[in-house]
C-alpha atoms as a PDB file:
ATOM      1  CA  MET A   1     123.377  66.013 243.980  1.00  0.00           C
ATOM      2  CA  GLY A   2     121.249  69.103 243.675  1.00  0.00           C
ATOM      3  CA  PRO A   3     118.824  70.359 246.329  1.00  0.00           C
ATOM      4  CA  HIS A   4     116.164  67.839 245.240  1.00  0.00           C
ATOM      5  CA  ASN A   5     114.602  66.131 248.299  1.00  0.00           C
ATOM      6  CA  PRO A   6     112.544  63.000 247.504  1.00  0.00           C
ATOM      7  CA  LEU A   7     110.626  63.365 250.797  1.00  0.00           C
ATOM      8  CA  GLN A   8     109.011  66.568 249.611  1.00  0.00           C
ATOM      9  CA  ARG A   9     106.334  65.068 247.400  1.00  0.00           C
ATOM     10  CA  ARG A  10     104.776  68.389 246.456  1.00  0.00           C
ATOM     11  CA  GLN A  11     108.015  69.695 244.919  1.00  0.00           C
ATOM     12  CA  ALA A  12     109.747  68.570 241.755  1.00  0.00           C
ATOM     13  CA  ALA A  13     113.336  69.316 240.844  1.00  0.00           C
ATOM     14  CA  VAL A  14     113.985  70.368 237.306  1.00  0.00           C
ATOM     15  CA  GLN A  15     117.496  70.138 235.982  1.00  0.00           C
ATOM     16  CA  CYS A  16     118.393  72.265 233.050  1.00  0.00           C
ATOM     17  CA  VAL A  17     121.673  72.775 231.321  1.00  0.00           C
ATOM     18  CA  SER A  18     122.418  76.042 229.587  1.00  0.00           C
ATOM     19  CA  GLN A  19     124.968  75.980 226.812  1.00  0.00           C
ATOM     20  CA  SER A  20     125.600  79.679 227.283  1.00  0.00           C
ATOM     21  CA  MET A  21     126.724  78.926 230.845  1.00  0.00           C
ATOM     22  CA  LEU A  22     129.474  76.517 229.637  1.00  0.00           C
ATOM     23  CA  GLY A  23     127.968  73.364 230.984  1.00  0.00           C
ATOM     24  CA  ARG A  24     127.241  74.674 234.446  1.00  0.00           C
ATOM     25  CA  ARG A  25     124.153  73.188 235.971  1.00  0.00           C
ATOM     26  CA  CYS A  26     121.399  75.146 237.707  1.00  0.00           C
ATOM     27  CA  TRP A  27     118.455  73.818 239.633  1.00  0.00           C
ATOM     28  CA  PHE A  28     114.906  75.176 239.781  1.00  0.00           C
ATOM     29  CA  ALA A  29     112.241  74.089 242.268  1.00  0.00           C
ATOM     30  CA  SER A  30     108.677  74.325 241.065  1.00  0.00           C
ATOM     31  CA  THR A  31     105.458  73.639 242.942  1.00  0.00           C
ATOM     32  CA  PRO A  32     102.700  71.981 240.893  1.00  0.00           C
ATOM     33  CA  ARG A  33      99.062  72.769 241.510  1.00  0.00           C
ATOM     34  CA  CYS A  34      97.755  71.187 244.647  1.00  0.00           C
ATOM     35  CA  PRO A  35      94.616  69.079 244.083  1.00  0.00           C
ATOM     36  CA  SER A  36      93.161  70.305 247.379  1.00  0.00           C
ATOM     37  CA  ILE A  37      93.457  73.913 246.199  1.00  0.00           C
ATOM     38  CA  ASN A  38      91.636  73.035 242.988  1.00  0.00           C
ATOM     39  CA  ARG A  39      88.877  71.387 244.952  1.00  0.00           C
ATOM     40  CA  ALA A  40      88.546  74.482 247.170  1.00  0.00           C
ATOM     41  CA  LYS A  41      88.180  76.692 244.118  1.00  0.00           C
ATOM     42  CA  ALA A  42      85.589  74.349 242.670  1.00  0.00           C
ATOM     43  CA  ASN A  43      83.655  74.318 245.933  1.00  0.00           C
ATOM     44  CA  ILE A  44      83.516  77.980 246.876  1.00  0.00           C
ATOM     45  CA  MET A  45      81.575  78.428 250.093  1.00  0.00           C
ATOM     46  CA  VAL A  46      77.941  79.238 249.324  1.00  0.00           C
ATOM     47  CA  SER A  47      76.008  80.881 252.138  1.00  0.00           C
ATOM     48  CA  ILE A  48      72.707  82.530 252.972  1.00  0.00           C
ATOM     49  CA  THR A  49      73.384  86.271 253.091  1.00  0.00           C
ATOM     50  CA  LYS A  50      69.975  87.582 254.174  1.00  0.00           C
ATOM     51  CA  LEU A  51      66.240  86.927 254.467  1.00  0.00           C
ATOM     52  CA  THR A  52      63.561  89.451 253.556  1.00  0.00           C
ATOM     53  CA  VAL A  53      59.772  89.303 253.917  1.00  0.00           C
ATOM     54  CA  THR A  54      57.210  91.014 251.681  1.00  0.00           C
ATOM     55  CA  ASN A  55      54.019  92.608 253.061  1.00  0.00           C
ATOM     56  CA  ALA A  56      55.682  92.921 256.476  1.00  0.00           C
ATOM     57  CA  LYS A  57      57.707  95.377 258.526  1.00  0.00           C
ATOM     58  CA  ARG A  58      61.053  94.558 260.061  1.00  0.00           C
ATOM     59  CA  ILE A  59      61.164  94.966 263.833  1.00  0.00           C
ATOM     60  CA  ASP A  60      64.732  93.895 264.581  1.00  0.00           C
ATOM     61  CA  ALA A  61      67.400  91.574 263.196  1.00  0.00           C
ATOM     62  CA  ALA A  62      65.201  88.479 263.466  1.00  0.00           C
ATOM     63  CA  ASN A  63      61.556  89.592 263.783  1.00  0.00           C
ATOM     64  CA  TRP A  64      59.097  90.782 261.141  1.00  0.00           C
ATOM     65  CA  LEU A  65      55.536  91.952 261.699  1.00  0.00           C
ATOM     66  CA  THR A  66      52.462  91.871 259.477  1.00  0.00           C
ATOM     67  CA  VAL A  67      48.768  92.437 260.116  1.00  0.00           C
ATOM     68  CA  ARG A  68      46.357  89.553 259.764  1.00  0.00           C
ATOM     69  CA  ASP A  69      44.675  89.680 256.365  1.00  0.00           C
ATOM     70  CA  VAL A  70      40.997  89.176 257.122  1.00  0.00           C
ATOM     71  CA  PHE A  71      38.894  87.938 254.240  1.00  0.00           C
ATOM     72  CA  GLY A  72      36.280  90.312 252.854  1.00  0.00           C
ATOM     73  CA  PRO A  73      35.853  94.086 252.588  1.00  0.00           C
ATOM     74  CA  GLN A  74      37.500  96.362 255.130  1.00  0.00           C
ATOM     75  CA  GLU A  75      35.241  98.647 257.142  1.00  0.00           C
ATOM     76  CA  ILE A  76      38.149 101.046 257.596  1.00  0.00           C
ATOM     77  CA  PRO A  77      40.175 101.201 254.348  1.00  0.00           C
ATOM     78  CA  ASN A  78      43.780 100.183 254.886  1.00  0.00           C
ATOM     79  CA  PRO A  79      46.531 101.247 252.435  1.00  0.00           C
ATOM     80  CA  SER A  80      48.732  98.286 253.398  1.00  0.00           C
ATOM     81  CA  PRO A  81      48.970  95.541 250.740  1.00  0.00           C
ATOM     82  CA  ARG A  82      46.914  92.404 251.149  1.00  0.00           C
ATOM     83  CA  GLY A  83      47.840  88.827 250.296  1.00  0.00           C
ATOM     84  CA  ASP A  84      50.399  86.317 251.476  1.00  0.00           C
ATOM     85  CA  CYS A  85      53.867  87.120 252.792  1.00  0.00           C
ATOM     86  CA  VAL A  86      56.843  85.801 250.843  1.00  0.00           C
ATOM     87  CA  VAL A  87      60.166  85.045 252.519  1.00  0.00           C
ATOM     88  CA  GLN A  88      63.104  85.361 250.142  1.00  0.00           C
ATOM     89  CA  ALA A  89      66.631  84.125 250.735  1.00  0.00           C
ATOM     90  CA  ASP A  90      69.602  85.795 249.063  1.00  0.00           C
ATOM     91  CA  THR A  91      72.761  83.741 248.661  1.00  0.00           C
ATOM     92  CA  GLY A  92      76.410  84.475 248.048  1.00  0.00           C
ATOM     93  CA  PRO A  93      78.608  84.861 246.189  1.00  0.00           C
ATOM     94  CA  GLN A  94      76.496  84.616 243.015  1.00  0.00           C
ATOM     95  CA  ASN A  95      72.867  84.630 244.242  1.00  0.00           C
ATOM     96  CA  ASN A  96      71.767  82.493 241.308  1.00  0.00           C
ATOM     97  CA  ALA A  97      69.664  79.400 240.654  1.00  0.00           C
ATOM     98  CA  ALA A  98      72.600  77.040 241.170  1.00  0.00           C
ATOM     99  CA  GLU A  99      73.072  78.355 244.709  1.00  0.00           C
ATOM    100  CA  TRP A 100      69.340  78.497 245.450  1.00  0.00           C
ATOM    101  CA  SER A 101      69.049  74.790 244.658  1.00  0.00           C
ATOM    102  CA  GLN A 102      71.234  74.081 247.700  1.00  0.00           C
ATOM    103  CA  ILE A 103      68.927  75.851 250.168  1.00  0.00           C
ATOM    104  CA  VAL A 104      67.305  73.696 252.837  1.00  0.00           C
ATOM    105  CA  TRP A 105      64.167  75.327 254.256  1.00  0.00           C
ATOM    106  CA  ASN A 106      62.436  74.802 257.552  1.00  0.00           C
ATOM    107  CA  GLY A 107      59.009  76.414 257.961  1.00  0.00           C
ATOM    108  CA  ALA A 108      56.496  78.062 255.586  1.00  0.00           C
ATOM    109  CA  GLU A 109      55.250  76.676 252.265  1.00  0.00           C
ATOM    110  CA  PRO A 110      57.292  76.080 249.091  1.00  0.00           C
ATOM    111  CA  ILE A 111      56.576  78.120 245.974  1.00  0.00           C
ATOM    112  CA  PRO A 112      56.843  76.039 242.774  1.00  0.00           C
ATOM    113  CA  GLY A 113      59.681  77.162 240.547  1.00  0.00           C
ATOM    114  CA  LYS A 114      61.163  79.494 243.171  1.00  0.00           C
ATOM    115  CA  PRO A 115      63.585  77.563 245.386  1.00  0.00           C
ATOM    116  CA  ASN A 116      64.777  80.713 247.155  1.00  0.00           C
ATOM    117  CA  GLN A 117      61.280  81.699 248.345  1.00  0.00           C
ATOM    118  CA  ARG A 118      58.674  80.479 250.816  1.00  0.00           C
ATOM    119  CA  ARG A 119      55.049  81.525 251.314  1.00  0.00           C
ATOM    120  CA  ILE A 120      53.344  82.343 254.616  1.00  0.00           C
ATOM    121  CA  ARG A 121      49.588  82.817 254.636  1.00  0.00           C
ATOM    122  CA  ARG A 122      48.304  85.432 257.045  1.00  0.00           C
ATOM    123  CA  GLN A 123      44.607  84.738 257.341  1.00  0.00           C
ATOM    124  CA  ALA A 124      45.080  83.837 261.011  1.00  0.00           C
ATOM    125  CA  THR A 125      47.183  85.188 263.858  1.00  0.00           C
ATOM    126  CA  ALA A 126      50.383  83.192 264.153  1.00  0.00           C
ATOM    127  CA  GLN A 127      54.070  83.206 264.978  1.00  0.00           C
ATOM    128  CA  THR A 128      56.010  81.478 262.196  1.00  0.00           C
ATOM    129  CA  THR A 129      59.726  80.687 262.384  1.00  0.00           C
ATOM    130  CA  ILE A 130      61.545  80.221 259.065  1.00  0.00           C
ATOM    131  CA  THR A 131      65.099  78.970 258.639  1.00  0.00           C
ATOM    132  CA  ALA A 132      67.132  78.767 255.422  1.00  0.00           C
ATOM    133  CA  SER A 133      70.387  76.780 255.461  1.00  0.00           C
ATOM    134  CA  ILE A 134      73.217  75.883 253.120  1.00  0.00           C
ATOM    135  CA  GLY A 135      75.771  73.581 254.678  1.00  0.00           C
ATOM    136  CA  SER A 136      76.833  74.987 258.021  1.00  0.00           C
ATOM    137  CA  THR A 137      75.473  78.491 257.338  1.00  0.00           C
ATOM    138  CA  SER A 138      71.897  79.556 258.026  1.00  0.00           C
ATOM    139  CA  GLN A 139      69.636  82.559 258.473  1.00  0.00           C
ATOM    140  CA  ARG A 140      66.493  82.654 260.614  1.00  0.00           C
ATOM    141  CA  CYS A 141      63.524  85.008 260.880  1.00  0.00           C
ATOM    142  CA  VAL A 142      60.231  85.065 262.759  1.00  0.00           C
ATOM    143  CA  LEU A 143      57.054  86.457 261.195  1.00  0.00           C
ATOM    144  CA  TRP A 144      54.298  87.653 263.532  1.00  0.00           C
ATOM    145  CA  ALA A 145      50.789  87.934 262.070  1.00  0.00           C
ATOM    146  CA  LEU A 146      49.250  90.576 264.335  1.00  0.00           C
ATOM    147  CA  TRP A 147      45.634  91.021 265.350  1.00  0.00           C
ATOM    148  CA  ALA A 148      43.731  92.668 268.194  1.00  0.00           C
ATOM    149  CA  ASP A 149      40.594  91.565 269.992  1.00  0.00           C
ATOM    150  CA  VAL A 150      38.649  94.623 271.101  1.00  0.00           C
ATOM    151  CA  SER A 151      36.320  94.750 274.078  1.00  0.00           C
ATOM    152  CA  VAL A 152      34.415  97.606 275.689  1.00  0.00           C
ATOM    153  CA  LEU A 153      34.473  97.837 279.473  1.00  0.00           C
ATOM    154  CA  THR A 154      31.281  99.310 280.943  1.00  0.00           C
ATOM    155  CA  THR A 155      31.823  98.284 284.567  1.00  0.00           C
ATOM    156  CA  GLY A 156      34.755  97.956 286.908  1.00  0.00           C
ATOM    157  CA  PRO A 157      37.902 100.017 287.480  1.00  0.00           C
ATOM    158  CA  ARG A 158      39.727 101.943 284.789  1.00  0.00           C
ATOM    159  CA  PRO A 159      42.636  99.934 283.337  1.00  0.00           C
ATOM    160  CA  PRO A 160      45.988 101.405 284.470  1.00  0.00           C
ATOM    161  CA  HIS A 161      47.081 102.342 280.918  1.00  0.00           C
ATOM    162  CA  ALA A 162      43.838 104.153 280.076  1.00  0.00           C
ATOM    163  CA  LYS A 163      43.644 107.917 280.318  1.00  0.00           C
ATOM    164  CA  PRO A 164      41.860 109.112 283.513  1.00  0.00           C
ATOM    165  CA  TRP A 165      38.385 110.492 282.925  1.00  0.00           C
ATOM    166  CA  SER A 166      39.040 113.277 285.403  1.00  0.00           C
ATOM    167  CA  GLU A 167      41.871 114.708 283.283  1.00  0.00           C
ATOM    168  CA  GLY A 168      40.765 118.067 281.911  1.00  0.00           C
ATOM    169  CA  GLU A 169      37.357 117.940 283.605  1.00  0.00           C
ATOM    170  CA  ALA A 170      36.243 120.774 285.841  1.00  0.00           C
ATOM    171  CA  ILE A 171      33.984 118.395 287.756  1.00  0.00           C
ATOM    172  CA  PRO A 172      35.647 114.969 287.917  1.00  0.00           C
ATOM    173  CA  GLY A 173      33.701 111.805 288.513  1.00  0.00           C
ATOM    174  CA  PRO A 174      34.712 108.428 289.954  1.00  0.00           C
ATOM    175  CA  ASP A 175      37.575 106.521 288.371  1.00  0.00           C
ATOM    176  CA  GLN A 176      35.275 103.661 287.375  1.00  0.00           C
ATOM    177  CA  CYS A 177      33.494 102.440 284.257  1.00  0.00           C
ATOM    178  CA  GLY A 178      29.741 102.814 284.355  1.00  0.00           C
ATOM    179  CA  ALA A 179      26.935 105.397 284.684  1.00  0.00           C
ATOM    180  CA  PHE A 180      27.193 108.074 287.363  1.00  0.00           C
ATOM    181  CA  GLU A 181      25.706 111.363 288.494  1.00  0.00           C
ATOM    182  CA  VAL A 182      28.053 114.305 288.942  1.00  0.00           C
ATOM    183  CA  PRO A 183      27.365 117.854 290.129  1.00  0.00           C
ATOM    184  CA  ALA A 184      26.397 120.361 287.468  1.00  0.00           C
ATOM    185  CA  PHE A 185      27.635 123.924 287.123  1.00  0.00           C
ATOM    186  CA  SER A 186      24.090 125.136 287.560  1.00  0.00           C
ATOM    187  CA  MET A 187      21.189 123.535 289.322  1.00  0.00           C
ATOM    188  CA  GLY A 188      20.780 119.775 289.419  1.00  0.00           C
ATOM    189  CA  LYS A 189      23.161 117.073 288.361  1.00  0.00           C
ATOM    190  CA  ASN A 190      24.612 115.701 285.193  1.00  0.00           C
ATOM    191  CA  ALA A 191      24.490 112.072 284.127  1.00  0.00           C
ATOM    192  CA  ARG A 192      27.837 110.723 282.974  1.00  0.00           C
ATOM    193  CA  GLY A 193      28.697 107.429 281.312  1.00  0.00           C
ATOM    194  CA  GLN A 194      32.319 106.249 281.314  1.00  0.00           C
ATOM    195  CA  ILE A 195      33.614 103.399 279.158  1.00  0.00           C
ATOM    196  CA  VAL A 196      37.029 102.107 278.088  1.00  0.00           C
ATOM    197  CA  THR A 197      37.858 100.214 274.916  1.00  0.00           C
ATOM    198  CA  VAL A 198      40.631  97.659 275.385  1.00  0.00           C
ATOM    199  CA  ALA A 199      42.533  95.981 272.542  1.00  0.00           C
ATOM    200  CA  LYS A 200      44.434  92.785 273.338  1.00  0.00           C
ATOM    201  CA  LEU A 201      47.213  91.932 270.890  1.00  0.00           C
ATOM    202  CA  PHE A 202      47.720  88.449 269.459  1.00  0.00           C
ATOM    203  CA  PRO A 203      49.693  86.226 269.186  1.00  0.00           C
ATOM    204  CA  SER A 204      51.027  86.179 272.697  1.00  0.00           C
ATOM    205  CA  GLY A 205      54.399  87.894 273.027  1.00  0.00           C
ATOM    206  CA  VAL A 206      54.107  90.214 270.009  1.00  0.00           C
ATOM    207  CA  GLY A 207      53.647  93.294 272.202  1.00  0.00           C
ATOM    208  CA  ARG A 208      56.872  92.519 274.049  1.00  0.00           C
ATOM    209  CA  ILE A 209      58.747  92.228 270.745  1.00  0.00           C
ATOM    210  CA  ILE A 210      57.490  95.653 269.608  1.00  0.00           C
ATOM    211  CA  ASP A 211      58.245  97.307 272.953  1.00  0.00           C
ATOM    212  CA  THR A 212      61.737  95.817 273.214  1.00  0.00           C
ATOM    213  CA  ALA A 213      62.656  97.076 269.752  1.00  0.00           C
ATOM    214  CA  LYS A 214      61.001 100.457 270.466  1.00  0.00           C
ATOM    215  CA  LYS A 215      59.190 100.325 267.138  1.00  0.00           C
ATOM    216  CA  GLN A 216      55.743 101.506 268.203  1.00  0.00           C
ATOM    217  CA  GLN A 217      56.043 104.412 265.760  1.00  0.00           C
ATOM    218  CA  LEU A 218      55.910 102.010 262.812  1.00  0.00           C
ATOM    219  CA  PHE A 219      52.199 101.459 263.308  1.00  0.00           C
ATOM    220  CA  ASN A 220      49.161 103.689 263.133  1.00  0.00           C
ATOM    221  CA  ILE A 221      46.229 102.675 265.293  1.00  0.00           C
ATOM    222  CA  ARG A 222      43.115 103.336 263.223  1.00  0.00           C
ATOM    223  CA  ARG A 223      39.803 103.419 265.069  1.00  0.00           C
ATOM    224  CA  GLN A 224      36.246 104.281 264.245  1.00  0.00           C
ATOM    225  CA  LEU A 225      33.048 104.841 266.163  1.00  0.00           C
ATOM    226  CA  THR A 226      29.651 104.573 264.551  1.00  0.00           C
ATOM    227  CA  GLY A 227      26.295 105.628 265.933  1.00  0.00           C
ATOM    228  CA  SER A 228      23.900 108.529 266.296  1.00  0.00           C
ATOM    229  CA  ARG A 229      25.712 111.862 266.256  1.00  0.00           C
ATOM    230  CA  VAL A 230      29.073 110.169 266.904  1.00  0.00           C
ATOM    231  CA  ARG A 231      31.877 111.611 264.834  1.00  0.00           C
ATOM    232  CA  ARG A 232      34.798 109.652 263.549  1.00  0.00           C
ATOM    233  CA  GLN A 233      38.248 110.635 264.667  1.00  0.00           C
ATOM    234  CA  ARG A 234      41.607 109.063 263.941  1.00  0.00           C
ATOM    235  CA  ARG A 235      43.485 109.911 267.103  1.00  0.00           C
ATOM    236  CA  THR A 236      41.443 110.777 270.183  1.00  0.00           C
ATOM    237  CA  LEU A 237      38.071 109.142 270.311  1.00  0.00           C
ATOM    238  CA  ARG A 238      35.738 111.222 272.330  1.00  0.00           C
ATOM    239  CA  TYR A 239      32.088 111.864 271.888  1.00  0.00           C
ATOM    240  CA  ARG A 240      29.376 113.762 273.616  1.00  0.00           C
ATOM    241  CA  ARG A 241      25.711 113.415 273.009  1.00  0.00           C
ATOM    242  CA  ALA A 242      23.032 115.606 274.499  1.00  0.00           C
ATOM    243  CA  ARG A 243      20.687 113.556 276.587  1.00  0.00           C
ATOM    244  CA  SER A 244      18.411 116.266 277.906  1.00  0.00           C
ATOM    245  CA  SER A 245      18.372 119.959 278.559  1.00  0.00           C
ATOM    246  CA  GLY A 246      19.317 119.352 282.150  1.00  0.00           C
ATOM    247  CA  GLY A 247      22.219 116.988 281.671  1.00  0.00           C
ATOM    248  CA  HIS A 248      24.618 115.277 279.265  1.00  0.00           C
ATOM    249  CA  ALA A 249      26.474 112.013 278.883  1.00  0.00           C
ATOM    250  CA  ASP A 250      30.191 111.794 278.143  1.00  0.00           C
ATOM    251  CA  GLY A 251      31.817 108.762 276.597  1.00  0.00           C
ATOM    252  CA  ARG A 252      35.517 108.288 276.018  1.00  0.00           C
ATOM    253  CA  ASN A 253      37.268 105.617 274.102  1.00  0.00           C
ATOM    254  CA  LEU A 254      40.974 105.783 274.813  1.00  0.00           C
END
């Protein structure tokens, strides 16, 4: 008997006789293709390789930020694009329609004819979580639609993060919002008005995400004051308006 072992089902013994070898027999063991290997090749692992979001800025590995798109004309022109955000999933290894058809989405709205994309409208402040999965693999991202509610404080103490009014003033006044009298350089007194503009970010938690990622530099705060003899500035908002020959009023918006 040759080395053929009937217990080894995946191996077949092939007996061949070579006339040039004077009748001597030699044995060859060959391994046929394994059906499981063929199935593995036919079912190559398809996975989600990455998610990207249009009209948004990436904060960290999972979080994206966009500004709420308010309907109507903008009082302060903004160069950022308007319109919906689109989440796109890239797949591997081919990143083609056959792989995109296997994507299971959670969150956002479908886009007809584009199985690898989802739409997120940004007309309102919101935190939207989107997940794309194929089999056991998945990618997840969170889109924050940012907005700020602005209020002007005319009474009460100065908020701790606001710049002190006394900074740079030869004659400081109280550290309070409101109208006050302060000594003048010459005779009499000056009338001074102190206000603080406060912007509260929405949705809740978005400020913490920005601070944690240290990405404050990605955004430009654009502000404008309108009114009689008030000039517009992009960085420091400070205005002075003559009230009378014997006094003046200072207003700061920090």
